[in-house]
PDB file of N, CA and C in Angstrom:
ATOM      1  N   UNK A   1      80.728 106.048 112.530  1.00  0.00           N
ATOM      2  CA  UNK A   1      81.786 107.041 111.981  1.00  0.00           C
ATOM      3  C   UNK A   1      83.194 106.675 112.459  1.00  0.00           C
ATOM      4  N   UNK A   2      84.093 106.770 111.644  1.00  0.00           N
ATOM      5  CA  UNK A   2      85.401 106.333 111.952  1.00  0.00           C
ATOM      6  C   UNK A   2      86.337 107.653 111.413  1.00  0.00           C
ATOM      7  N   UNK A   3      87.530 107.666 111.797  1.00  0.00           N
ATOM      8  CA  UNK A   3      88.435 108.646 111.447  1.00  0.00           C
ATOM      9  C   UNK A   3      89.271 108.221 110.305  1.00  0.00           C
ATOM     10  N   UNK A   4      89.590 109.047 109.292  1.00  0.00           N
ATOM     11  CA  UNK A   4      90.581 108.823 108.207  1.00  0.00           C
ATOM     12  C   UNK A   4      91.480 109.798 108.156  1.00  0.00           C
ATOM     13  N   UNK A   5      92.669 109.706 107.338  1.00  0.00           N
ATOM     14  CA  UNK A   5      93.690 110.644 107.123  1.00  0.00           C
ATOM     15  C   UNK A   5      93.343 111.482 105.886  1.00  0.00           C
ATOM     16  N   UNK A   6      93.389 112.740 106.040  1.00  0.00           N
ATOM     17  CA  UNK A   6      93.313 113.541 104.620  1.00  0.00           C
ATOM     18  C   UNK A   6      94.461 113.438 103.924  1.00  0.00           C
ATOM     19  N   UNK A   7      94.351 112.973 102.512  1.00  0.00           N
ATOM     20  CA  UNK A   7      95.492 112.914 101.808  1.00  0.00           C
ATOM     21  C   UNK A   7      96.273 114.137 101.457  1.00  0.00           C
ATOM     22  N   UNK A   8      95.573 115.254 101.632  1.00  0.00           N
ATOM     23  CA  UNK A   8      96.359 116.477 101.384  1.00  0.00           C
ATOM     24  C   UNK A   8      97.120 117.055 102.696  1.00  0.00           C
ATOM     25  N   UNK A   9      96.607 117.260 103.770  1.00  0.00           N
ATOM     26  CA  UNK A   9      97.161 117.777 104.859  1.00  0.00           C
ATOM     27  C   UNK A   9      97.454 116.744 105.859  1.00  0.00           C
ATOM     28  N   UNK A  10      97.050 115.482 105.784  1.00  0.00           N
ATOM     29  CA  UNK A  10      97.618 114.377 106.841  1.00  0.00           C
ATOM     30  C   UNK A  10      96.676 114.594 108.002  1.00  0.00           C
ATOM     31  N   UNK A  11      95.651 115.425 108.329  1.00  0.00           N
ATOM     32  CA  UNK A  11      94.975 115.506 109.664  1.00  0.00           C
ATOM     33  C   UNK A  11      93.921 114.336 109.646  1.00  0.00           C
ATOM     34  N   UNK A  12      93.524 113.978 110.828  1.00  0.00           N
ATOM     35  CA  UNK A  12      92.390 112.989 111.037  1.00  0.00           C
ATOM     36  C   UNK A  12      91.136 113.828 110.767  1.00  0.00           C
ATOM     37  N   UNK A  13      90.254 113.127 110.050  1.00  0.00           N
ATOM     38  CA  UNK A  13      88.818 113.824 109.869  1.00  0.00           C
ATOM     39  C   UNK A  13      87.867 112.652 109.772  1.00  0.00           C
ATOM     40  N   UNK A  14      86.586 113.073 109.851  1.00  0.00           N
ATOM     41  CA  UNK A  14      85.557 112.135 109.858  1.00  0.00           C
ATOM     42  C   UNK A  14      85.566 111.510 108.534  1.00  0.00           C
ATOM     43  N   UNK A  15      85.039 110.221 108.475  1.00  0.00           N
ATOM     44  CA  UNK A  15      84.964 109.465 107.240  1.00  0.00           C
ATOM     45  C   UNK A  15      83.743 109.843 106.481  1.00  0.00           C
ATOM     46  N   UNK A  16      82.876 110.519 107.197  1.00  0.00           N
ATOM     47  CA  UNK A  16      81.618 110.936 106.509  1.00  0.00           C
ATOM     48  C   UNK A  16      81.629 112.293 106.048  1.00  0.00           C
ATOM     49  N   UNK A  17      82.927 112.946 106.139  1.00  0.00           N
ATOM     50  CA  UNK A  17      83.027 114.411 105.664  1.00  0.00           C
ATOM     51  C   UNK A  17      83.181 114.341 104.271  1.00  0.00           C
ATOM     52  N   UNK A  18      82.543 115.379 103.392  1.00  0.00           N
ATOM     53  CA  UNK A  18      82.675 115.439 102.112  1.00  0.00           C
ATOM     54  C   UNK A  18      83.884 116.132 101.546  1.00  0.00           C
ATOM     55  N   UNK A  19      84.317 117.012 102.689  1.00  0.00           N
ATOM     56  CA  UNK A  19      85.768 117.865 102.214  1.00  0.00           C
ATOM     57  C   UNK A  19      86.407 117.852 103.679  1.00  0.00           C
ATOM     58  N   UNK A  20      87.700 118.024 103.507  1.00  0.00           N
ATOM     59  CA  UNK A  20      88.492 118.165 104.752  1.00  0.00           C
ATOM     60  C   UNK A  20      88.298 119.624 105.391  1.00  0.00           C
ATOM     61  N   UNK A  21      87.898 119.740 106.628  1.00  0.00           N
ATOM     62  CA  UNK A  21      87.725 121.063 107.396  1.00  0.00           C
ATOM     63  C   UNK A  21      88.872 121.781 107.586  1.00  0.00           C
ATOM     64  N   UNK A  22      90.074 121.218 107.502  1.00  0.00           N
ATOM     65  CA  UNK A  22      91.399 121.824 107.747  1.00  0.00           C
ATOM     66  C   UNK A  22      91.882 122.611 106.452  1.00  0.00           C
ATOM     67  N   UNK A  23      91.792 121.770 105.228  1.00  0.00           N
ATOM     68  CA  UNK A  23      92.514 122.154 104.173  1.00  0.00           C
ATOM     69  C   UNK A  23      91.502 122.397 103.052  1.00  0.00           C
ATOM     70  N   UNK A  24      90.464 121.768 103.008  1.00  0.00           N
ATOM     71  CA  UNK A  24      89.371 121.824 102.034  1.00  0.00           C
ATOM     72  C   UNK A  24      89.402 120.883 100.837  1.00  0.00           C
ATOM     73  N   UNK A  25      90.220 119.912 101.239  1.00  0.00           N
ATOM     74  CA  UNK A  25      90.521 118.985  99.996  1.00  0.00           C
ATOM     75  C   UNK A  25      89.172 118.301  99.837  1.00  0.00           C
ATOM     76  N   UNK A  26      88.853 117.881  98.616  1.00  0.00           N
ATOM     77  CA  UNK A  26      87.682 117.129  98.295  1.00  0.00           C
ATOM     78  C   UNK A  26      88.087 115.642  97.904  1.00  0.00           C
ATOM     79  N   UNK A  27      87.084 114.811  97.847  1.00  0.00           N
ATOM     80  CA  UNK A  27      87.336 113.518  97.224  1.00  0.00           C
ATOM     81  C   UNK A  27      88.113 112.636  98.381  1.00  0.00           C
ATOM     82  N   UNK A  28      87.763 112.789  99.622  1.00  0.00           N
ATOM     83  CA  UNK A  28      88.471 112.320 100.621  1.00  0.00           C
ATOM     84  C   UNK A  28      88.233 110.720 100.546  1.00  0.00           C
ATOM     85  N   UNK A  29      89.384 109.934 101.017  1.00  0.00           N
ATOM     86  CA  UNK A  29      89.152 108.427 100.964  1.00  0.00           C
ATOM     87  C   UNK A  29      90.374 107.991 102.139  1.00  0.00           C
ATOM     88  N   UNK A  30      90.055 106.885 102.472  1.00  0.00           N
ATOM     89  CA  UNK A  30      91.096 106.291 103.404  1.00  0.00           C
ATOM     90  C   UNK A  30      92.467 106.249 102.850  1.00  0.00           C
ATOM     91  N   UNK A  31      93.429 106.288 103.571  1.00  0.00           N
ATOM     92  CA  UNK A  31      94.956 106.326 102.909  1.00  0.00           C
ATOM     93  C   UNK A  31      95.113 104.721 102.485  1.00  0.00           C
ATOM     94  N   UNK A  32      95.758 104.656 101.282  1.00  0.00           N
ATOM     95  CA  UNK A  32      95.714 103.426 100.554  1.00  0.00           C
ATOM     96  C   UNK A  32      96.985 102.722 101.134  1.00  0.00           C
ATOM     97  N   UNK A  33      96.926 101.445 101.057  1.00  0.00           N
ATOM     98  CA  UNK A  33      98.140 100.544 101.391  1.00  0.00           C
ATOM     99  C   UNK A  33      98.613 100.052 100.119  1.00  0.00           C
ATOM    100  N   UNK A  34      98.592 100.605  99.127  1.00  0.00           N
ATOM    101  CA  UNK A  34      98.841 100.072  97.861  1.00  0.00           C
ATOM    102  C   UNK A  34     100.404  99.811  97.779  1.00  0.00           C
ATOM    103  N   UNK A  35     101.201 100.628  98.337  1.00  0.00           N
ATOM    104  CA  UNK A  35     102.791 100.361  98.302  1.00  0.00           C
ATOM    105  C   UNK A  35     103.092  99.140  99.064  1.00  0.00           C
ATOM    106  N   UNK A  36     102.470  98.989 100.389  1.00  0.00           N
ATOM    107  CA  UNK A  36     102.655  97.843 100.981  1.00  0.00           C
ATOM    108  C   UNK A  36     102.257  96.521 100.223  1.00  0.00           C
ATOM    109  N   UNK A  37     101.276  96.437  99.634  1.00  0.00           N
ATOM    110  CA  UNK A  37     100.550  95.346  98.719  1.00  0.00           C
ATOM    111  C   UNK A  37     101.690  95.044  97.753  1.00  0.00           C
ATOM    112  N   UNK A  38     102.172  96.095  97.019  1.00  0.00           N
ATOM    113  CA  UNK A  38     103.071  95.866  95.737  1.00  0.00           C
ATOM    114  C   UNK A  38     104.467  95.374  96.358  1.00  0.00           C
ATOM    115  N   UNK A  39     104.880  95.833  97.511  1.00  0.00           N
ATOM    116  CA  UNK A  39     106.224  95.225  98.085  1.00  0.00           C
ATOM    117  C   UNK A  39     106.083  93.747  98.293  1.00  0.00           C
ATOM    118  N   UNK A  40     104.910  93.511  99.133  1.00  0.00           N
ATOM    119  CA  UNK A  40     104.640  92.050  99.474  1.00  0.00           C
ATOM    120  C   UNK A  40     104.612  91.213  98.299  1.00  0.00           C
ATOM    121  N   UNK A  41     103.964  91.687  97.189  1.00  0.00           N
ATOM    122  CA  UNK A  41     103.779  90.753  95.979  1.00  0.00           C
ATOM    123  C   UNK A  41     105.097  90.635  95.313  1.00  0.00           C
ATOM    124  N   UNK A  42     106.018  91.617  95.276  1.00  0.00           N
ATOM    125  CA  UNK A  42     107.303  91.535  94.620  1.00  0.00           C
ATOM    126  C   UNK A  42     108.230  90.767  95.384  1.00  0.00           C
ATOM    127  N   UNK A  43     108.117  90.692  96.666  1.00  0.00           N
ATOM    128  CA  UNK A  43     108.983  89.900  97.528  1.00  0.00           C
ATOM    129  C   UNK A  43     108.543  88.368  97.411  1.00  0.00           C
ATOM    130  N   UNK A  44     107.051  88.118  97.487  1.00  0.00           N
ATOM    131  CA  UNK A  44     106.682  86.801  97.250  1.00  0.00           C
ATOM    132  C   UNK A  44     107.131  86.200  95.767  1.00  0.00           C
ATOM    133  N   UNK A  45     106.969  87.094  94.851  1.00  0.00           N
ATOM    134  CA  UNK A  45     107.292  86.581  93.547  1.00  0.00           C
ATOM    135  C   UNK A  45     108.902  86.166  93.495  1.00  0.00           C
ATOM    136  N   UNK A  46     109.703  87.214  93.994  1.00  0.00           N
ATOM    137  CA  UNK A  46     111.186  86.682  94.114  1.00  0.00           C
ATOM    138  C   UNK A  46     111.404  85.552  94.872  1.00  0.00           C
ATOM    139  N   UNK A  47     110.597  85.397  96.029  1.00  0.00           N
ATOM    140  CA  UNK A  47     110.883  84.078  96.870  1.00  0.00           C
ATOM    141  C   UNK A  47     110.332  82.764  95.991  1.00  0.00           C
ATOM    142  N   UNK A  48     109.260  82.900  95.382  1.00  0.00           N
ATOM    143  CA  UNK A  48     108.884  81.693  94.421  1.00  0.00           C
ATOM    144  C   UNK A  48     109.828  81.505  93.337  1.00  0.00           C
ATOM    145  N   UNK A  49     110.333  82.534  92.688  1.00  0.00           N
ATOM    146  CA  UNK A  49     111.261  82.379  91.672  1.00  0.00           C
ATOM    147  C   UNK A  49     112.749  81.599  92.157  1.00  0.00           C
ATOM    148  N   UNK A  50     113.040  81.889  93.239  1.00  0.00           N
ATOM    149  CA  UNK A  50     114.325  81.417  94.004  1.00  0.00           C
ATOM    150  C   UNK A  50     114.072  80.137  94.366  1.00  0.00           C
ATOM    151  N   UNK A  51     112.774  79.705  94.933  1.00  0.00           N
ATOM    152  CA  UNK A  51     112.437  78.427  95.238  1.00  0.00           C
ATOM    153  C   UNK A  51     112.422  77.434  94.116  1.00  0.00           C
ATOM    154  N   UNK A  52     111.854  77.956  92.967  1.00  0.00           N
ATOM    155  CA  UNK A  52     111.941  77.007  91.783  1.00  0.00           C
ATOM    156  C   UNK A  52     113.282  76.936  91.156  1.00  0.00           C
ATOM    157  N   UNK A  53     113.968  77.896  91.143  1.00  0.00           N
ATOM    158  CA  UNK A  53     115.399  77.857  90.787  1.00  0.00           C
ATOM    159  C   UNK A  53     116.086  76.805  91.552  1.00  0.00           C
ATOM    160  N   UNK A  54     116.150  76.782  92.665  1.00  0.00           N
ATOM    161  CA  UNK A  54     116.828  75.914  93.667  1.00  0.00           C
ATOM    162  C   UNK A  54     116.417  74.326  93.441  1.00  0.00           C
ATOM    163  N   UNK A  55     115.096  74.300  93.352  1.00  0.00           N
ATOM    164  CA  UNK A  55     114.472  73.146  93.080  1.00  0.00           C
ATOM    165  C   UNK A  55     115.041  72.470  91.717  1.00  0.00           C
ATOM    166  N   UNK A  56     114.853  73.183  90.702  1.00  0.00           N
ATOM    167  CA  UNK A  56     115.420  72.984  89.292  1.00  0.00           C
ATOM    168  C   UNK A  56     116.816  72.490  89.221  1.00  0.00           C
ATOM    169  N   UNK A  57     117.738  73.323  90.041  1.00  0.00           N
ATOM    170  CA  UNK A  57     119.053  72.965  90.058  1.00  0.00           C
ATOM    171  C   UNK A  57     119.195  71.726  90.816  1.00  0.00           C
ATOM    172  N   UNK A  58     118.573  71.341  91.981  1.00  0.00           N
ATOM    173  CA  UNK A  58     118.665  70.088  92.728  1.00  0.00           C
ATOM    174  C   UNK A  58     118.310  68.939  91.883  1.00  0.00           C
ATOM    175  N   UNK A  59     117.301  68.976  90.998  1.00  0.00           N
ATOM    176  CA  UNK A  59     116.798  67.888  90.044  1.00  0.00           C
ATOM    177  C   UNK A  59     117.922  67.720  88.994  1.00  0.00           C
ATOM    178  N   UNK A  60     118.511  68.709  88.487  1.00  0.00           N
ATOM    179  CA  UNK A  60     119.524  68.698  87.367  1.00  0.00           C
ATOM    180  C   UNK A  60     120.666  67.860  88.023  1.00  0.00           C
ATOM    181  N   UNK A  61     121.053  68.205  89.259  1.00  0.00           N
ATOM    182  CA  UNK A  61     122.208  67.571  89.718  1.00  0.00           C
ATOM    183  C   UNK A  61     121.932  66.142  90.096  1.00  0.00           C
ATOM    184  N   UNK A  62     120.812  65.813  90.632  1.00  0.00           N
ATOM    185  CA  UNK A  62     120.424  64.571  90.715  1.00  0.00           C
ATOM    186  C   UNK A  62     120.344  63.581  89.405  1.00  0.00           C
ATOM    187  N   UNK A  63     120.062  64.120  88.526  1.00  0.00           N
ATOM    188  CA  UNK A  63     119.918  63.438  87.177  1.00  0.00           C
ATOM    189  C   UNK A  63     121.401  63.197  86.733  1.00  0.00           C
ATOM    190  N   UNK A  64     122.304  64.363  86.881  1.00  0.00           N
ATOM    191  CA  UNK A  64     123.497  64.085  86.457  1.00  0.00           C
ATOM    192  C   UNK A  64     124.344  63.050  87.275  1.00  0.00           C
ATOM    193  N   UNK A  65     124.003  62.981  88.693  1.00  0.00           N
ATOM    194  CA  UNK A  65     124.735  62.072  89.459  1.00  0.00           C
ATOM    195  C   UNK A  65     124.163  60.593  89.064  1.00  0.00           C
ATOM    196  N   UNK A  66     122.927  60.481  88.649  1.00  0.00           N
ATOM    197  CA  UNK A  66     122.444  59.091  88.385  1.00  0.00           C
ATOM    198  C   UNK A  66     122.988  58.598  87.090  1.00  0.00           C
ATOM    199  N   UNK A  67     123.315  59.595  86.122  1.00  0.00           N
ATOM    200  CA  UNK A  67     123.672  59.171  84.793  1.00  0.00           C
ATOM    201  C   UNK A  67     125.297  59.190  84.787  1.00  0.00           C
ATOM    202  N   UNK A  68     126.110  59.863  85.466  1.00  0.00           N
ATOM    203  CA  UNK A  68     127.473  59.813  85.582  1.00  0.00           C
ATOM    204  C   UNK A  68     127.940  59.893  87.005  1.00  0.00           C
ATOM    205  N   UNK A  69     127.479  58.687  87.772  1.00  0.00           N
ATOM    206  CA  UNK A  69     127.538  58.383  89.093  1.00  0.00           C
ATOM    207  C   UNK A  69     129.118  58.526  89.766  1.00  0.00           C
ATOM    208  N   UNK A  70     130.008  58.305  88.793  1.00  0.00           N
ATOM    209  CA  UNK A  70     131.423  58.274  89.358  1.00  0.00           C
ATOM    210  C   UNK A  70     131.954  59.679  89.466  1.00  0.00           C
ATOM    211  N   UNK A  71     131.353  60.597  88.859  1.00  0.00           N
ATOM    212  CA  UNK A  71     131.888  61.913  88.893  1.00  0.00           C
ATOM    213  C   UNK A  71     131.162  62.876  89.887  1.00  0.00           C
ATOM    214  N   UNK A  72     130.324  62.458  90.861  1.00  0.00           N
ATOM    215  CA  UNK A  72     129.557  63.233  91.542  1.00  0.00           C
ATOM    216  C   UNK A  72     130.339  63.468  93.005  1.00  0.00           C
TER     217      UNK A  72
END
């Protein structure tokens, strides 16, 4: 048996309880980390986008320098 947080009153209750003894809320479940997962995914996607952009820009510059070497 572990303790979870009631989504209504935010008190600690048993994970086996069918309803919160403090506020009577039903359908109890552990507090979700959905926001944290979304933030991590967005930050990772932005990081990947920046890495690809920088890599592409470097490749473009290398191609231009090899073609027009005297202008680099």
